[in-house]
Each structure stands twice: as structure tokens, then as C-alpha cells.
PDB file of N, CA and C in Angstrom:
ATOM      1  N   MET A   1      31.505 -73.909 221.639  1.00  0.00           N
ATOM      2  CA  MET A   1      31.474 -72.841 222.601  1.00  0.00           C
ATOM      3  C   MET A   1      31.749 -73.419 223.991  1.00  0.00           C
ATOM      4  N   PRO A   2      32.682 -72.865 224.731  1.00  0.00           N
ATOM      5  CA  PRO A   2      32.976 -73.389 226.070  1.00  0.00           C
ATOM      6  C   PRO A   2      31.793 -73.171 227.021  1.00  0.00           C
ATOM      7  N   GLU A   3      31.612 -74.145 227.895  1.00  0.00           N
ATOM      8  CA  GLU A   3      30.552 -74.015 228.897  1.00  0.00           C
ATOM      9  C   GLU A   3      31.070 -73.207 230.066  1.00  0.00           C
ATOM     10  N   THR A   4      30.180 -72.395 230.654  1.00  0.00           N
ATOM     11  CA  THR A   4      30.568 -71.436 231.669  1.00  0.00           C
ATOM     12  C   THR A   4      29.776 -71.653 232.945  1.00  0.00           C
ATOM     13  N   PHE A   5      30.441 -71.608 234.084  1.00  0.00           N
ATOM     14  CA  PHE A   5      29.793 -71.567 235.387  1.00  0.00           C
ATOM     15  C   PHE A   5      29.582 -70.098 235.679  1.00  0.00           C
ATOM     16  N   ASN A   6      28.350 -69.720 235.993  1.00  0.00           N
ATOM     17  CA  ASN A   6      28.023 -68.310 236.164  1.00  0.00           C
ATOM     18  C   ASN A   6      27.045 -68.160 237.319  1.00  0.00           C
ATOM     19  N   VAL A   7      27.408 -67.382 238.326  1.00  0.00           N
ATOM     20  CA  VAL A   7      26.573 -67.145 239.498  1.00  0.00           C
ATOM     21  C   VAL A   7      26.545 -65.643 239.776  1.00  0.00           C
ATOM     22  N   THR A   8      25.355 -65.124 240.059  1.00  0.00           N
ATOM     23  CA  THR A   8      25.210 -63.740 240.501  1.00  0.00           C
ATOM     24  C   THR A   8      24.217 -63.709 241.647  1.00  0.00           C
ATOM     25  N   CYS A   9      24.609 -63.073 242.746  1.00  0.00           N
ATOM     26  CA  CYS A   9      23.721 -62.912 243.884  1.00  0.00           C
ATOM     27  C   CYS A   9      23.173 -61.485 243.876  1.00  0.00           C
ATOM     28  N   ALA A  10      22.161 -61.260 244.702  1.00  0.00           N
ATOM     29  CA  ALA A  10      21.560 -59.925 244.825  1.00  0.00           C
ATOM     30  C   ALA A  10      22.617 -58.937 245.335  1.00  0.00           C
ATOM     31  N   ALA A  11      22.309 -57.645 245.201  1.00  0.00           N
ATOM     32  CA  ALA A  11      23.265 -56.595 245.538  1.00  0.00           C
ATOM     33  C   ALA A  11      23.737 -56.655 246.992  1.00  0.00           C
ATOM     34  N   ASP A  12      22.909 -57.149 247.896  1.00  0.00           N
ATOM     35  CA  ASP A  12      23.299 -57.198 249.314  1.00  0.00           C
ATOM     36  C   ASP A  12      23.702 -58.606 249.760  1.00  0.00           C
ATOM     37  N   GLU A  13      24.062 -59.470 248.797  1.00  0.00           N
ATOM     38  CA  GLU A  13      24.421 -60.835 249.091  1.00  0.00           C
ATOM     39  C   GLU A  13      25.764 -61.188 248.480  1.00  0.00           C
ATOM     40  N   ILE A  14      26.419 -62.217 249.052  1.00  0.00           N
ATOM     41  CA  ILE A  14      27.652 -62.758 248.500  1.00  0.00           C
ATOM     42  C   ILE A  14      27.500 -64.260 248.306  1.00  0.00           C
ATOM     43  N   ILE A  15      28.349 -64.814 247.472  1.00  0.00           N
ATOM     44  CA  ILE A  15      28.343 -66.241 247.151  1.00  0.00           C
ATOM     45  C   ILE A  15      29.095 -67.010 248.236  1.00  0.00           C
ATOM     46  N   MET A  16      28.521 -68.129 248.630  1.00  0.00           N
ATOM     47  CA  MET A  16      29.212 -69.082 249.492  1.00  0.00           C
ATOM     48  C   MET A  16      29.057 -70.447 248.819  1.00  0.00           C
ATOM     49  N   MET A  17      30.149 -70.942 248.240  1.00  0.00           N
ATOM     50  CA  MET A  17      30.108 -72.246 247.592  1.00  0.00           C
ATOM     51  C   MET A  17      29.936 -73.322 248.657  1.00  0.00           C
ATOM     52  N   THR A  18      29.081 -74.320 248.374  1.00  0.00           N
ATOM     53  CA  THR A  18      28.833 -75.383 249.339  1.00  0.00           C
ATOM     54  C   THR A  18      29.324 -76.751 248.845  1.00  0.00           C
ATOM     55  N   SER A  19      29.443 -76.946 247.546  1.00  0.00           N
ATOM     56  CA  SER A  19      30.006 -78.182 247.005  1.00  0.00           C
ATOM     57  C   SER A  19      30.380 -77.970 245.537  1.00  0.00           C
ATOM     58  N   ALA A  20      31.343 -78.755 245.070  1.00  0.00           N
ATOM     59  CA  ALA A  20      31.730 -78.699 243.662  1.00  0.00           C
ATOM     60  C   ALA A  20      32.435 -80.015 243.301  1.00  0.00           C
ATOM     61  N   LEU A  21      31.829 -80.761 242.400  1.00  0.00           N
ATOM     62  CA  LEU A  21      32.396 -82.002 241.898  1.00  0.00           C
ATOM     63  C   LEU A  21      32.553 -81.885 240.384  1.00  0.00           C
ATOM     64  N   TYR A  22      33.637 -82.444 239.856  1.00  0.00           N
ATOM     65  CA  TYR A  22      33.880 -82.440 238.426  1.00  0.00           C
ATOM     66  C   TYR A  22      34.152 -83.880 238.008  1.00  0.00           C
ATOM     67  N   GLY A  23      33.467 -84.313 236.978  1.00  0.00           N
ATOM     68  CA  GLY A  23      33.652 -85.664 236.455  1.00  0.00           C
ATOM     69  C   GLY A  23      32.366 -86.162 235.812  1.00  0.00           C
ATOM     70  N   ARG A  24      32.120 -87.438 235.931  1.00  0.00           N
ATOM     71  CA  ARG A  24      30.917 -88.044 235.400  1.00  0.00           C
ATOM     72  C   ARG A  24      30.261 -88.790 236.553  1.00  0.00           C
ATOM     73  N   MET A  25      29.396 -88.059 237.287  1.00  0.00           N
ATOM     74  CA  MET A  25      28.777 -88.632 238.481  1.00  0.00           C
ATOM     75  C   MET A  25      27.570 -89.487 238.165  1.00  0.00           C
ATOM     76  N   ARG A  26      26.917 -89.244 237.040  1.00  0.00           N
ATOM     77  CA  ARG A  26      25.740 -90.010 236.617  1.00  0.00           C
ATOM     78  C   ARG A  26      25.553 -89.866 235.114  1.00  0.00           C
ATOM     79  N   SER A  27      24.704 -90.708 234.567  1.00  0.00           N
ATOM     80  CA  SER A  27      24.410 -90.639 233.128  1.00  0.00           C
ATOM     81  C   SER A  27      23.653 -89.358 232.832  1.00  0.00           C
ATOM     82  N   GLY A  28      23.664 -88.943 231.617  1.00  0.00           N
ATOM     83  CA  GLY A  28      22.976 -87.730 231.205  1.00  0.00           C
ATOM     84  C   GLY A  28      23.378 -87.421 229.790  1.00  0.00           C
ATOM     85  N   ARG A  29      23.564 -86.151 229.503  1.00  0.00           N
ATOM     86  CA  ARG A  29      23.970 -85.744 228.169  1.00  0.00           C
ATOM     87  C   ARG A  29      25.250 -86.469 227.758  1.00  0.00           C
ATOM     88  N   CYS A  30      25.325 -86.891 226.554  1.00  0.00           N
ATOM     89  CA  CYS A  30      26.469 -87.575 225.949  1.00  0.00           C
ATOM     90  C   CYS A  30      26.495 -89.066 226.267  1.00  0.00           C
ATOM     91  N   ILE A  31      25.690 -89.542 227.205  1.00  0.00           N
ATOM     92  CA  ILE A  31      25.609 -90.981 227.496  1.00  0.00           C
ATOM     93  C   ILE A  31      24.137 -91.344 227.445  1.00  0.00           C
ATOM     94  N   LYS A  32      23.762 -92.159 226.484  1.00  0.00           N
ATOM     95  CA  LYS A  32      22.356 -92.482 226.265  1.00  0.00           C
ATOM     96  C   LYS A  32      21.849 -93.614 227.172  1.00  0.00           C
ATOM     97  N   GLN A  33      22.722 -94.534 227.527  1.00  0.00           N
ATOM     98  CA  GLN A  33      22.314 -95.662 228.358  1.00  0.00           C
ATOM     99  C   GLN A  33      22.789 -95.418 229.790  1.00  0.00           C
ATOM    100  N   ASN A  34      21.995 -95.811 230.772  1.00  0.00           N
ATOM    101  CA  ASN A  34      22.392 -95.648 232.164  1.00  0.00           C
ATOM    102  C   ASN A  34      23.313 -96.785 232.563  1.00  0.00           C
ATOM    103  N   TYR A  35      24.573 -96.447 232.805  1.00  0.00           N
ATOM    104  CA  TYR A  35      25.559 -97.437 233.241  1.00  0.00           C
ATOM    105  C   TYR A  35      25.744 -97.398 234.759  1.00  0.00           C
ATOM    106  N   GLY A  36      24.862 -96.675 235.454  1.00  0.00           N
ATOM    107  CA  GLY A  36      25.018 -96.544 236.896  1.00  0.00           C
ATOM    108  C   GLY A  36      26.072 -95.497 237.221  1.00  0.00           C
ATOM    109  N   HIS A  37      26.619 -95.595 238.396  1.00  0.00           N
ATOM    110  CA  HIS A  37      27.649 -94.643 238.824  1.00  0.00           C
ATOM    111  C   HIS A  37      28.899 -94.844 237.998  1.00  0.00           C
ATOM    112  N   MET A  38      29.354 -93.802 237.347  1.00  0.00           N
ATOM    113  CA  MET A  38      30.512 -93.889 236.474  1.00  0.00           C
ATOM    114  C   MET A  38      31.811 -93.985 237.286  1.00  0.00           C
ATOM    115  N   GLY A  39      31.802 -93.456 238.494  1.00  0.00           N
ATOM    116  CA  GLY A  39      32.964 -93.615 239.362  1.00  0.00           C
ATOM    117  C   GLY A  39      34.154 -92.741 239.045  1.00  0.00           C
ATOM    118  N   CYS A  40      33.970 -91.725 238.224  1.00  0.00           N
ATOM    119  CA  CYS A  40      35.107 -90.829 237.997  1.00  0.00           C
ATOM    120  C   CYS A  40      34.670 -89.411 238.335  1.00  0.00           C
ATOM    121  N   GLU A  41      35.127 -88.965 239.478  1.00  0.00           N
ATOM    122  CA  GLU A  41      34.808 -87.624 239.931  1.00  0.00           C
ATOM    123  C   GLU A  41      35.949 -87.099 240.798  1.00  0.00           C
ATOM    124  N   ALA A  42      36.038 -85.778 240.840  1.00  0.00           N
ATOM    125  CA  ALA A  42      37.034 -85.138 241.691  1.00  0.00           C
ATOM    126  C   ALA A  42      36.366 -84.001 242.443  1.00  0.00           C
ATOM    127  N   ASP A  43      36.748 -83.840 243.682  1.00  0.00           N
ATOM    128  CA  ASP A  43      36.258 -82.727 244.481  1.00  0.00           C
ATOM    129  C   ASP A  43      37.047 -81.474 244.073  1.00  0.00           C
ATOM    130  N   VAL A  44      36.373 -80.522 243.453  1.00  0.00           N
ATOM    131  CA  VAL A  44      37.013 -79.286 243.024  1.00  0.00           C
ATOM    132  C   VAL A  44      36.515 -78.085 243.826  1.00  0.00           C
ATOM    133  N   MET A  45      36.091 -78.379 245.058  1.00  0.00           N
ATOM    134  CA  MET A  45      35.562 -77.342 245.945  1.00  0.00           C
ATOM    135  C   MET A  45      36.579 -76.241 246.213  1.00  0.00           C
ATOM    136  N   ALA A  46      37.832 -76.600 246.409  1.00  0.00           N
ATOM    137  CA  ALA A  46      38.865 -75.581 246.688  1.00  0.00           C
ATOM    138  C   ALA A  46      38.958 -74.591 245.527  1.00  0.00           C
ATOM    139  N   PHE A  47      38.922 -75.095 244.289  1.00  0.00           N
ATOM    140  CA  PHE A  47      38.981 -74.216 243.116  1.00  0.00           C
ATOM    141  C   PHE A  47      37.755 -73.321 243.059  1.00  0.00           C
ATOM    142  N   ALA A  48      36.557 -73.916 243.172  1.00  0.00           N
ATOM    143  CA  ALA A  48      35.303 -73.137 243.097  1.00  0.00           C
ATOM    144  C   ALA A  48      35.217 -72.128 244.226  1.00  0.00           C
ATOM    145  N   ASP A  49      35.625 -72.529 245.432  1.00  0.00           N
ATOM    146  CA  ASP A  49      35.615 -71.638 246.586  1.00  0.00           C
ATOM    147  C   ASP A  49      36.529 -70.444 246.343  1.00  0.00           C
ATOM    148  N   ASN A  50      37.722 -70.723 245.830  1.00  0.00           N
ATOM    149  CA  ASN A  50      38.690 -69.658 245.548  1.00  0.00           C
ATOM    150  C   ASN A  50      38.168 -68.698 244.473  1.00  0.00           C
ATOM    151  N   GLN A  51      37.492 -69.225 243.480  1.00  0.00           N
ATOM    152  CA  GLN A  51      36.996 -68.400 242.380  1.00  0.00           C
ATOM    153  C   GLN A  51      35.752 -67.589 242.756  1.00  0.00           C
ATOM    154  N   CYS A  52      34.909 -68.140 243.638  1.00  0.00           N
ATOM    155  CA  CYS A  52      33.577 -67.569 243.806  1.00  0.00           C
ATOM    156  C   CYS A  52      33.210 -67.098 245.212  1.00  0.00           C
ATOM    157  N   SER A  53      33.544 -67.841 246.253  1.00  0.00           N
ATOM    158  CA  SER A  53      33.087 -67.489 247.598  1.00  0.00           C
ATOM    159  C   SER A  53      33.551 -66.102 248.009  1.00  0.00           C
ATOM    160  N   GLY A  54      32.617 -65.338 248.604  1.00  0.00           N
ATOM    161  CA  GLY A  54      32.932 -63.985 249.051  1.00  0.00           C
ATOM    162  C   GLY A  54      32.719 -62.919 248.002  1.00  0.00           C
ATOM    163  N   ARG A  55      32.305 -63.320 246.806  1.00  0.00           N
ATOM    164  CA  ARG A  55      32.072 -62.366 245.726  1.00  0.00           C
ATOM    165  C   ARG A  55      30.562 -62.280 245.445  1.00  0.00           C
ATOM    166  N   ARG A  56      30.143 -61.208 244.839  1.00  0.00           N
ATOM    167  CA  ARG A  56      28.748 -61.088 244.435  1.00  0.00           C
ATOM    168  C   ARG A  56      28.502 -61.793 243.106  1.00  0.00           C
ATOM    169  N   ARG A  57      29.496 -61.798 242.242  1.00  0.00           N
ATOM    170  CA  ARG A  57      29.422 -62.435 240.928  1.00  0.00           C
ATOM    171  C   ARG A  57      30.618 -63.350 240.714  1.00  0.00           C
ATOM    172  N   CYS A  58      30.396 -64.415 239.966  1.00  0.00           N
ATOM    173  CA  CYS A  58      31.467 -65.358 239.669  1.00  0.00           C
ATOM    174  C   CYS A  58      31.188 -65.984 238.306  1.00  0.00           C
ATOM    175  N   GLN A  59      32.236 -66.069 237.495  1.00  0.00           N
ATOM    176  CA  GLN A  59      32.106 -66.727 236.193  1.00  0.00           C
ATOM    177  C   GLN A  59      33.450 -67.320 235.822  1.00  0.00           C
ATOM    178  N   PHE A  60      33.434 -68.587 235.364  1.00  0.00           N
ATOM    179  CA  PHE A  60      34.647 -69.195 234.837  1.00  0.00           C
ATOM    180  C   PHE A  60      34.287 -70.279 233.845  1.00  0.00           C
ATOM    181  N   ASP A  61      35.190 -70.518 232.880  1.00  0.00           N
ATOM    182  CA  ASP A  61      35.001 -71.586 231.910  1.00  0.00           C
ATOM    183  C   ASP A  61      35.209 -72.919 232.611  1.00  0.00           C
ATOM    184  N   VAL A  62      34.268 -73.829 232.450  1.00  0.00           N
ATOM    185  CA  VAL A  62      34.340 -75.149 233.080  1.00  0.00           C
ATOM    186  C   VAL A  62      35.577 -75.894 232.594  1.00  0.00           C
ATOM    187  N   ALA A  63      36.021 -75.641 231.380  1.00  0.00           N
ATOM    188  CA  ALA A  63      37.213 -76.300 230.825  1.00  0.00           C
ATOM    189  C   ALA A  63      38.463 -76.024 231.670  1.00  0.00           C
ATOM    190  N   ARG A  64      38.472 -74.941 232.436  1.00  0.00           N
ATOM    191  CA  ARG A  64      39.613 -74.651 233.298  1.00  0.00           C
ATOM    192  C   ARG A  64      39.824 -75.736 234.339  1.00  0.00           C
ATOM    193  N   LEU A  65      38.771 -76.481 234.642  1.00  0.00           N
ATOM    194  CA  LEU A  65      38.881 -77.539 235.654  1.00  0.00           C
ATOM    195  C   LEU A  65      39.779 -78.671 235.179  1.00  0.00           C
ATOM    196  N   LEU A  66      40.002 -78.817 233.895  1.00  0.00           N
ATOM    197  CA  LEU A  66      40.915 -79.847 233.390  1.00  0.00           C
ATOM    198  C   LEU A  66      42.329 -79.614 233.904  1.00  0.00           C
ATOM    199  N   GLY A  67      42.688 -78.375 234.197  1.00  0.00           N
ATOM    200  CA  GLY A  67      43.987 -78.073 234.770  1.00  0.00           C
ATOM    201  C   GLY A  67      44.047 -78.393 236.257  1.00  0.00           C
ATOM    202  N   VAL A  68      42.894 -78.596 236.857  1.00  0.00           N
ATOM    203  CA  VAL A  68      42.809 -78.865 238.300  1.00  0.00           C
ATOM    204  C   VAL A  68      42.653 -80.364 238.546  1.00  0.00           C
ATOM    205  N   ALA A  69      41.810 -81.007 237.740  1.00  0.00           N
ATOM    206  CA  ALA A  69      41.508 -82.425 237.927  1.00  0.00           C
ATOM    207  C   ALA A  69      41.062 -83.024 236.603  1.00  0.00           C
ATOM    208  N   ALA A  70      41.502 -84.232 236.333  1.00  0.00           N
ATOM    209  CA  ALA A  70      41.046 -84.991 235.162  1.00  0.00           C
ATOM    210  C   ALA A  70      40.678 -86.393 235.640  1.00  0.00           C
ATOM    211  N   PRO A  71      39.516 -86.506 236.318  1.00  0.00           N
ATOM    212  CA  PRO A  71      39.163 -87.774 236.953  1.00  0.00           C
ATOM    213  C   PRO A  71      38.698 -88.877 236.024  1.00  0.00           C
ATOM    214  N   CYS A  72      38.298 -88.527 234.797  1.00  0.00           N
ATOM    215  CA  CYS A  72      37.695 -89.520 233.901  1.00  0.00           C
ATOM    216  C   CYS A  72      38.613 -89.790 232.711  1.00  0.00           C
ATOM    217  N   PRO A  73      38.443 -90.945 232.073  1.00  0.00           N
ATOM    218  CA  PRO A  73      39.168 -91.207 230.822  1.00  0.00           C
ATOM    219  C   PRO A  73      38.834 -90.136 229.778  1.00  0.00           C
ATOM    220  N   ALA A  74      39.719 -89.927 228.844  1.00  0.00           N
ATOM    221  CA  ALA A  74      39.561 -88.851 227.844  1.00  0.00           C
ATOM    222  C   ALA A  74      38.285 -88.982 227.025  1.00  0.00           C
ATOM    223  N   ASP A  75      37.792 -90.218 226.819  1.00  0.00           N
ATOM    224  CA  ASP A  75      36.600 -90.392 225.996  1.00  0.00           C
ATOM    225  C   ASP A  75      35.304 -90.265 226.791  1.00  0.00           C
ATOM    226  N   VAL A  76      35.366 -89.923 228.058  1.00  0.00           N
ATOM    227  CA  VAL A  76      34.182 -89.704 228.871  1.00  0.00           C
ATOM    228  C   VAL A  76      34.052 -88.209 229.146  1.00  0.00           C
ATOM    229  N   THR A  77      32.927 -87.634 228.768  1.00  0.00           N
ATOM    230  CA  THR A  77      32.711 -86.200 228.962  1.00  0.00           C
ATOM    231  C   THR A  77      32.417 -85.889 230.436  1.00  0.00           C
ATOM    232  N   SER A  78      33.213 -85.005 230.998  1.00  0.00           N
ATOM    233  CA  SER A  78      33.034 -84.603 232.399  1.00  0.00           C
ATOM    234  C   SER A  78      32.148 -83.370 232.474  1.00  0.00           C
ATOM    235  N   TYR A  79      31.553 -83.149 233.638  1.00  0.00           N
ATOM    236  CA  TYR A  79      30.753 -81.958 233.858  1.00  0.00           C
ATOM    237  C   TYR A  79      30.956 -81.494 235.293  1.00  0.00           C
ATOM    238  N   LEU A  80      30.534 -80.257 235.546  1.00  0.00           N
ATOM    239  CA  LEU A  80      30.614 -79.669 236.876  1.00  0.00           C
ATOM    240  C   LEU A  80      29.254 -79.753 237.533  1.00  0.00           C
ATOM    241  N   ASP A  81      29.238 -80.236 238.757  1.00  0.00           N
ATOM    242  CA  ASP A  81      28.029 -80.292 239.594  1.00  0.00           C
ATOM    243  C   ASP A  81      28.356 -79.492 240.849  1.00  0.00           C
ATOM    244  N   ALA A  82      27.806 -78.284 240.957  1.00  0.00           N
ATOM    245  CA  ALA A  82      28.170 -77.383 242.045  1.00  0.00           C
ATOM    246  C   ALA A  82      26.933 -76.783 242.705  1.00  0.00           C
ATOM    247  N   THR A  83      27.040 -76.505 243.993  1.00  0.00           N
ATOM    248  CA  THR A  83      25.974 -75.826 244.710  1.00  0.00           C
ATOM    249  C   THR A  83      26.576 -74.626 245.456  1.00  0.00           C
ATOM    250  N   HIS A  84      25.739 -73.630 245.657  1.00  0.00           N
ATOM    251  CA  HIS A  84      26.176 -72.430 246.398  1.00  0.00           C
ATOM    252  C   HIS A  84      24.985 -71.835 247.131  1.00  0.00           C
ATOM    253  N   ARG A  85      25.283 -70.954 248.020  1.00  0.00           N
ATOM    254  CA  ARG A  85      24.255 -70.154 248.710  1.00  0.00           C
ATOM    255  C   ARG A  85      24.568 -68.691 248.474  1.00  0.00           C
ATOM    256  N   CYS A  86      23.524 -67.909 248.355  1.00  0.00           N
ATOM    257  CA  CYS A  86      23.667 -66.448 248.382  1.00  0.00           C
ATOM    258  C   CYS A  86      23.330 -66.029 249.807  1.00  0.00           C
ATOM    259  N   VAL A  87      24.281 -65.434 250.501  1.00  0.00           N
ATOM    260  CA  VAL A  87      24.072 -65.062 251.891  1.00  0.00           C
ATOM    261  C   VAL A  87      24.164 -63.542 252.035  1.00  0.00           C
ATOM    262  N   LYS A  88      23.371 -63.017 252.945  1.00  0.00           N
ATOM    263  CA  LYS A  88      23.422 -61.572 253.204  1.00  0.00           C
ATOM    264  C   LYS A  88      24.817 -61.242 253.676  1.00  0.00           C
ATOM    265  N   GLY A  89      25.392 -60.203 253.127  1.00  0.00           N
ATOM    266  CA  GLY A  89      26.739 -59.798 253.515  1.00  0.00           C
ATOM    267  C   GLY A  89      27.318 -58.908 252.453  1.00  0.00           C
ATOM    268  N   GLU A  90      28.557 -58.595 252.624  1.00  0.00           N
ATOM    269  CA  GLU A  90      29.257 -57.765 251.655  1.00  0.00           C
ATOM    270  C   GLU A  90      30.565 -58.433 251.281  1.00  0.00           C
ATOM    271  N   THR A  91      31.075 -58.092 250.125  1.00  0.00           N
ATOM    272  CA  THR A  91      32.337 -58.681 249.704  1.00  0.00           C
ATOM    273  C   THR A  91      33.429 -58.217 250.649  1.00  0.00           C
ATOM    274  N   ALA A  92      34.489 -58.992 250.736  1.00  0.00           N
ATOM    275  CA  ALA A  92      35.593 -58.652 251.622  1.00  0.00           C
ATOM    276  C   ALA A  92      36.175 -57.300 251.249  1.00  0.00           C
ATOM    277  N   ALA A  93      36.270 -57.015 249.952  1.00  0.00           N
ATOM    278  CA  ALA A  93      36.833 -55.727 249.520  1.00  0.00           C
ATOM    279  C   ALA A  93      35.978 -54.559 250.011  1.00  0.00           C
ATOM    280  N   THR A  94      34.651 -54.693 249.952  1.00  0.00           N
ATOM    281  CA  THR A  94      33.752 -53.637 250.430  1.00  0.00           C
ATOM    282  C   THR A  94      33.895 -53.481 251.929  1.00  0.00           C
ATOM    283  N   ALA A  95      33.932 -54.590 252.658  1.00  0.00           N
ATOM    284  CA  ALA A  95      34.041 -54.535 254.114  1.00  0.00           C
ATOM    285  C   ALA A  95      35.366 -53.937 254.553  1.00  0.00           C
ATOM    286  N   VAL A  96      36.439 -54.252 253.849  1.00  0.00           N
ATOM    287  CA  VAL A  96      37.754 -53.715 254.214  1.00  0.00           C
ATOM    288  C   VAL A  96      37.789 -52.220 254.012  1.00  0.00           C
ATOM    289  N   THR A  97      37.203 -51.715 252.930  1.00  0.00           N
ATOM    290  CA  THR A  97      37.235 -50.271 252.713  1.00  0.00           C
ATOM    291  C   THR A  97      36.467 -49.498 253.761  1.00  0.00           C
ATOM    292  N   ARG A  98      35.424 -50.110 254.305  1.00  0.00           N
ATOM    293  CA  ARG A  98      34.608 -49.402 255.275  1.00  0.00           C
ATOM    294  C   ARG A  98      35.104 -49.529 256.691  1.00  0.00           C
ATOM    295  N   SER A  99      35.738 -50.659 257.034  1.00  0.00           N
ATOM    296  CA  SER A  99      36.032 -50.845 258.461  1.00  0.00           C
ATOM    297  C   SER A  99      37.390 -51.454 258.753  1.00  0.00           C
ATOM    298  N   GLY A 100      38.319 -51.387 257.867  1.00  0.00           N
ATOM    299  CA  GLY A 100      39.598 -51.993 258.135  1.00  0.00           C
ATOM    300  C   GLY A 100      39.632 -53.416 257.631  1.00  0.00           C
ATOM    301  N   VAL A 101      39.863 -54.369 258.511  1.00  0.00           N
ATOM    302  CA  VAL A 101      39.972 -55.764 258.115  1.00  0.00           C
ATOM    303  C   VAL A 101      38.792 -56.537 258.669  1.00  0.00           C
ATOM    304  N   VAL A 102      38.229 -57.425 257.857  1.00  0.00           N
ATOM    305  CA  VAL A 102      37.095 -58.250 258.278  1.00  0.00           C
ATOM    306  C   VAL A 102      37.221 -59.611 257.634  1.00  0.00           C
ATOM    307  N   SER A 103      36.767 -60.640 258.310  1.00  0.00           N
ATOM    308  CA  SER A 103      36.797 -61.979 257.712  1.00  0.00           C
ATOM    309  C   SER A 103      35.441 -62.256 257.086  1.00  0.00           C
ATOM    310  N   LEU A 104      35.416 -63.183 256.119  1.00  0.00           N
ATOM    311  CA  LEU A 104      34.162 -63.545 255.485  1.00  0.00           C
ATOM    312  C   LEU A 104      33.202 -64.173 256.489  1.00  0.00           C
ATOM    313  N   ALA A 105      33.733 -64.866 257.481  1.00  0.00           N
ATOM    314  CA  ALA A 105      32.860 -65.470 258.493  1.00  0.00           C
ATOM    315  C   ALA A 105      32.096 -64.373 259.231  1.00  0.00           C
ATOM    316  N   GLN A 106      32.739 -63.252 259.509  1.00  0.00           N
ATOM    317  CA  GLN A 106      32.049 -62.144 260.151  1.00  0.00           C
ATOM    318  C   GLN A 106      31.014 -61.542 259.207  1.00  0.00           C
ATOM    319  N   SER A 107      31.327 -61.443 257.949  1.00  0.00           N
ATOM    320  CA  SER A 107      30.387 -60.881 256.973  1.00  0.00           C
ATOM    321  C   SER A 107      29.137 -61.722 256.829  1.00  0.00           C
ATOM    322  N   ASN A 108      29.249 -63.029 257.082  1.00  0.00           N
ATOM    323  CA  ASN A 108      28.147 -63.937 256.837  1.00  0.00           C
ATOM    324  C   ASN A 108      27.250 -64.176 258.059  1.00  0.00           C
ATOM    325  N   ARG A 109      27.562 -63.610 259.189  1.00  0.00           N
ATOM    326  CA  ARG A 109      26.749 -63.814 260.391  1.00  0.00           C
ATOM    327  C   ARG A 109      25.334 -63.327 260.181  1.00  0.00           C
ATOM    328  N   ASN A 110      24.391 -63.987 260.850  1.00  0.00           N
ATOM    329  CA  ASN A 110      22.972 -63.645 260.772  1.00  0.00           C
ATOM    330  C   ASN A 110      22.473 -63.629 259.328  1.00  0.00           C
ATOM    331  N   SER A 111      22.967 -64.541 258.518  1.00  0.00           N
ATOM    332  CA  SER A 111      22.611 -64.524 257.099  1.00  0.00           C
ATOM    333  C   SER A 111      21.267 -65.189 256.843  1.00  0.00           C
ATOM    334  N   GLN A 112      20.608 -64.696 255.819  1.00  0.00           N
ATOM    335  CA  GLN A 112      19.419 -65.351 255.285  1.00  0.00           C
ATOM    336  C   GLN A 112      19.930 -66.028 254.021  1.00  0.00           C
ATOM    337  N   GLU A 113      19.827 -67.343 253.972  1.00  0.00           N
ATOM    338  CA  GLU A 113      20.485 -68.095 252.908  1.00  0.00           C
ATOM    339  C   GLU A 113      19.503 -68.639 251.883  1.00  0.00           C
ATOM    340  N   THR A 114      19.924 -68.633 250.643  1.00  0.00           N
ATOM    341  CA  THR A 114      19.203 -69.257 249.552  1.00  0.00           C
ATOM    342  C   THR A 114      20.163 -70.198 248.884  1.00  0.00           C
ATOM    343  N   GLU A 115      19.820 -71.471 248.755  1.00  0.00           N
ATOM    344  CA  GLU A 115      20.741 -72.454 248.166  1.00  0.00           C
ATOM    345  C   GLU A 115      20.374 -72.695 246.720  1.00  0.00           C
ATOM    346  N   TYR A 116      21.386 -72.816 245.888  1.00  0.00           N
ATOM    347  CA  TYR A 116      21.219 -73.061 244.462  1.00  0.00           C
ATOM    348  C   TYR A 116      22.062 -74.254 244.061  1.00  0.00           C
ATOM    349  N   ALA A 117      21.623 -75.010 243.092  1.00  0.00           N
ATOM    350  CA  ALA A 117      22.403 -76.114 242.561  1.00  0.00           C
ATOM    351  C   ALA A 117      22.640 -75.871 241.081  1.00  0.00           C
ATOM    352  N   HIS A 118      23.834 -76.182 240.636  1.00  0.00           N
ATOM    353  CA  HIS A 118      24.207 -75.998 239.229  1.00  0.00           C
ATOM    354  C   HIS A 118      24.802 -77.288 238.710  1.00  0.00           C
ATOM    355  N   ILE A 119      24.317 -77.702 237.585  1.00  0.00           N
ATOM    356  CA  ILE A 119      24.940 -78.823 236.892  1.00  0.00           C
ATOM    357  C   ILE A 119      25.297 -78.294 235.509  1.00  0.00           C
ATOM    358  N   ILE A 120      26.586 -78.161 235.262  1.00  0.00           N
ATOM    359  CA  ILE A 120      27.075 -77.641 233.982  1.00  0.00           C
ATOM    360  C   ILE A 120      27.570 -78.826 233.192  1.00  0.00           C
ATOM    361  N   MET A 121      26.907 -79.112 232.109  1.00  0.00           N
ATOM    362  CA  MET A 121      27.271 -80.281 231.309  1.00  0.00           C
ATOM    363  C   MET A 121      27.680 -79.864 229.911  1.00  0.00           C
TER     364      MET A 121
END
């Protein structure tokens, strides 16, 4: 079964991705011995930001990241390590329908933020 990155914010909040790394940043599942820093990682923030930021809900198969970055050798299992905040605001589509054009930066002003961390392995 493919592993899925899945984020949902409250009805009056939107997602703001804060970091996203794909690779093998540390030992864990699939590696029983600690070999220290594995040294194979890629910054996939642009992909995660494009998929999720500014939306209330976001879901994608982690395997899609192989089309974006393949930082590790084939025999090393990669995982997604991502963080986001749920910030008070509305999606760009909702804001546009009500008031013309608005940027996400304007939607996020005076936000009350909650930060979340996700490690998808």
C-alpha cells in the first residue's frame, strides 16, 4: 500500500508548508543499526508547497516524490520529513470569489499558527 502525506486544517485555517525533505535523514524503519547521518536527502519544499500551501486539505502519495528527487541509492528506503502550520485564513479560491484578487500573504496576516511535523516512512 502506498504511503500518503495527508494534512487537514480547521475550517477557518489554511496549510502553510514550512519544510519538506525526502531521503534517508536518519536511521529508523528499515534500518536496524544506527549508521549516523545517511547523507542522502533532497529538499522537496517546492513540490510540497505547490501541492499543499494555501489549501485547507492536502493529500499525495509519497512515491510521487521519486519523480521529483531520488537522493538515495535504490536499496535505501527514502521517507518524507515535512512540517507545516495551520494558519487562520482562507484559501485563495475562496478569497478571490469574495473580493477579486488576493495573495496568500494577505490571507495569512494576523494568523494564529499551529505547527505540525510529519515523518512519512
